[in-house]
Amino acid sequence: VDASTVIAALLPTLAPVDTLDLFTAWRRTDTAILAPPLLLAECTSAIRRYVHSGLLAGEEAATALADLAALDVEIVPDTHVRCRAAYDWAGRLGQVRAYDGFYCALAEEVAAALYTGDRRLANAGRQLGVDWIIWVGEPSILPPAAESGESME
């Protein structure tokens, strides 16, 4: 999963799509939820941005940060090989920064779907012929893991 998917689960009233049901389904089926270390920094920054802009109170931020730990997302340490793959993904996606590339590189490495709340990322993946980058706003999205028990990135 990427940070946008996690933030949508933690703060559904501030996100365009509520992804808490996805996390519930993954938990129910013992599906591993994986992310690179970048996820923690991006989620923390998003929560701080909401507080700074007045959309979230300090107590709500503290709850969201505690809930982040409770989502049981397995943080997979970065490697030099994955850093290079993230760099390459950023190039393929036409992005200046490699942030999305880290999520793509991990998903590709473990052969898992990447669930994202970023429609542009999902569309860019489609344009590249990548079908495993899934926008969480798709109608009637059901994680394949709900049936097969595979990992979700």
Protein backbone atom coordinates (compact mmCIF):
# COMPACT_ATOMS: atom_id res chain seq x y z
CA VAL A 1 0.00 0.00 0.00
CA ASP A 2 1.07 3.59 -0.40
CA ALA A 3 0.64 6.50 2.00
CA SER A 4 -2.50 7.81 0.31
CA THR A 5 -4.25 4.48 0.95
CA VAL A 6 -3.19 4.49 4.61
CA ILE A 7 -4.17 8.15 5.18
CA ALA A 8 -7.59 7.42 3.66
CA ALA A 9 -8.06 4.64 6.23
CA LEU A 10 -6.81 6.75 9.15
CA LEU A 11 -8.69 9.94 8.27
CA PRO A 12 -11.66 8.94 6.09
CA THR A 13 -13.48 12.25 6.58
CA LEU A 14 -10.53 14.09 5.03
CA ALA A 15 -9.88 11.65 2.18
CA PRO A 16 -11.75 11.32 -1.11
CA VAL A 17 -12.00 7.54 -0.62
CA ASP A 18 -12.38 5.56 2.62
CA THR A 19 -10.08 2.53 2.54
CA LEU A 20 -10.72 1.17 6.03
CA ASP A 21 -12.83 -1.65 4.55
CA LEU A 22 -9.82 -2.80 2.51
CA PHE A 23 -7.66 -3.01 5.63
CA THR A 24 -10.45 -4.89 7.41
CA ALA A 25 -10.70 -7.39 4.53
CA TRP A 26 -6.93 -7.86 4.47
CA ARG A 27 -6.85 -8.46 8.24
CA ARG A 28 -9.72 -10.92 8.04
CA THR A 29 -7.83 -12.97 5.42
CA ASP A 30 -4.42 -12.68 7.12
CA THR A 31 -3.07 -10.82 4.11
CA ALA A 32 0.36 -9.29 4.55
CA ILE A 33 0.29 -5.53 4.01
CA LEU A 34 3.70 -4.29 2.91
CA ALA A 35 5.23 -0.85 2.43
CA PRO A 36 8.65 0.77 2.21
CA PRO A 37 9.94 2.85 5.15
CA LEU A 38 8.92 5.99 3.25
CA LEU A 39 5.30 5.23 4.22
CA LEU A 40 5.84 6.29 7.83
CA ALA A 41 7.40 9.62 6.87
CA GLU A 42 4.73 10.38 4.28
CA CYS A 43 1.86 9.53 6.64
CA THR A 44 3.37 11.55 9.48
CA SER A 45 3.88 14.51 7.14
CA ALA A 46 0.31 14.30 5.83
CA ILE A 47 -1.10 14.25 9.36
CA ARG A 48 1.08 17.22 10.32
CA ARG A 49 -0.04 19.10 7.19
CA TYR A 50 -3.70 18.56 8.17
CA VAL A 51 -3.00 19.93 11.67
CA HIS A 52 -1.08 22.91 10.31
CA SER A 53 -3.91 23.76 7.89
CA GLY A 54 -6.51 23.53 10.67
CA LEU A 55 -8.29 20.49 9.24
CA LEU A 56 -7.26 18.25 12.13
CA ALA A 57 -6.94 18.90 15.88
CA GLY A 58 -3.86 17.86 17.82
CA GLU A 59 -5.74 15.11 19.67
CA GLU A 60 -7.05 13.72 16.37
CA ALA A 61 -3.50 13.72 15.01
CA ALA A 62 -2.27 11.79 18.05
CA THR A 63 -5.04 9.23 17.51
CA ALA A 64 -4.20 8.94 13.80
CA LEU A 65 -0.53 8.35 14.60
CA ALA A 66 -1.46 5.64 17.12
CA ASP A 67 -3.84 4.09 14.59
CA LEU A 68 -1.04 4.07 12.02
CA ALA A 69 0.89 1.65 14.23
CA ALA A 70 -2.24 -0.46 14.73
CA LEU A 71 -2.80 -1.01 10.99
CA ASP A 72 -0.12 -3.72 11.05
CA VAL A 73 1.61 -2.58 7.89
CA GLU A 74 4.88 -4.46 7.56
CA ILE A 75 7.66 -2.00 6.77
CA VAL A 76 10.14 -3.68 4.43
CA PRO A 77 13.62 -2.14 4.76
CA ASP A 78 15.01 -0.51 1.64
CA THR A 79 17.96 -2.01 -0.20
CA HIS A 80 20.37 -0.45 -2.67
CA VAL A 81 18.83 -2.59 -5.40
CA ARG A 82 15.35 -1.31 -4.56
CA CYS A 83 16.61 2.28 -4.49
CA ARG A 84 17.85 1.82 -8.06
CA ALA A 85 14.54 0.22 -9.03
CA ALA A 86 12.67 3.17 -7.45
CA TYR A 87 14.81 5.55 -9.48
CA ASP A 88 13.99 3.60 -12.65
CA TRP A 89 10.28 3.58 -11.80
CA ALA A 90 10.30 7.34 -11.33
CA GLY A 91 11.72 7.65 -14.83
CA ARG A 92 9.11 5.33 -16.32
CA LEU A 93 6.34 7.22 -14.54
CA GLY A 94 7.75 10.55 -15.73
CA GLN A 95 8.18 11.81 -12.18
CA VAL A 96 10.81 14.20 -10.85
CA ARG A 97 10.95 12.48 -7.44
CA ALA A 98 11.23 8.77 -6.70
CA TYR A 99 8.67 8.53 -3.87
CA ASP A 100 6.06 6.57 -5.86
CA GLY A 101 8.92 4.58 -7.34
CA PHE A 102 9.70 3.07 -3.93
CA TYR A 103 6.15 1.70 -3.64
CA CYS A 104 6.24 0.40 -7.22
CA ALA A 105 9.67 -1.18 -6.78
CA LEU A 106 8.60 -3.04 -3.64
CA ALA A 107 5.35 -4.25 -5.20
CA GLU A 108 7.20 -5.43 -8.30
CA GLU A 109 9.88 -7.15 -6.20
CA VAL A 110 7.38 -9.16 -4.16
CA ALA A 111 4.92 -9.61 -7.06
CA ALA A 112 2.05 -7.96 -5.18
CA ALA A 113 -0.60 -5.41 -6.06
CA LEU A 114 0.04 -1.80 -5.13
CA TYR A 115 -3.12 -0.16 -3.78
CA THR A 116 -3.02 3.61 -4.14
CA GLY A 117 -5.31 6.53 -3.49
CA ASP A 118 -3.43 8.43 -6.19
CA ARG A 119 -5.45 8.19 -9.39
CA ARG A 120 -2.61 9.74 -11.41
CA LEU A 121 -0.23 7.00 -10.30
CA ALA A 122 -2.75 4.30 -11.21
CA ASN A 123 -3.37 5.92 -14.60
CA ALA A 124 0.36 6.24 -15.27
CA GLY A 125 0.71 2.55 -14.45
CA ARG A 126 -2.08 1.68 -16.88
CA GLN A 127 -0.38 3.69 -19.61
CA LEU A 128 2.72 1.55 -19.02
CA GLY A 129 0.65 -1.63 -19.22
CA VAL A 130 0.98 -2.28 -15.49
CA ASP A 131 -2.20 -3.86 -14.12
CA TRP A 132 -1.03 -4.33 -10.52
CA ILE A 133 -1.20 -0.64 -9.57
CA ILE A 134 -4.79 -0.38 -8.36
CA TRP A 135 -6.62 2.84 -7.59
CA VAL A 136 -8.65 2.36 -4.39
CA GLY A 137 -11.43 4.58 -5.75
CA GLU A 138 -12.41 2.03 -8.41
CA PRO A 139 -16.04 1.00 -7.96
CA SER A 140 -16.51 -2.37 -6.26
CA ILE A 141 -12.82 -2.92 -5.66
CA LEU A 142 -12.18 -6.26 -3.99
CA PRO A 143 -8.63 -7.13 -3.09
CA PRO A 144 -7.59 -10.42 -4.72
CA ALA A 145 -6.15 -11.38 -1.35
CA ALA A 146 -9.66 -11.66 0.05
CA GLU A 147 -9.92 -14.82 -2.00
CA SER A 148 -6.36 -16.07 -2.42
CA GLY A 149 -4.44 -14.97 0.70
CA GLU A 150 -1.63 -13.25 -1.24
CA SER A 151 0.32 -10.19 -0.04
CA MET A 152 -0.76 -6.63 -0.69
CA GLU A 153 1.77 -3.86 -1.05
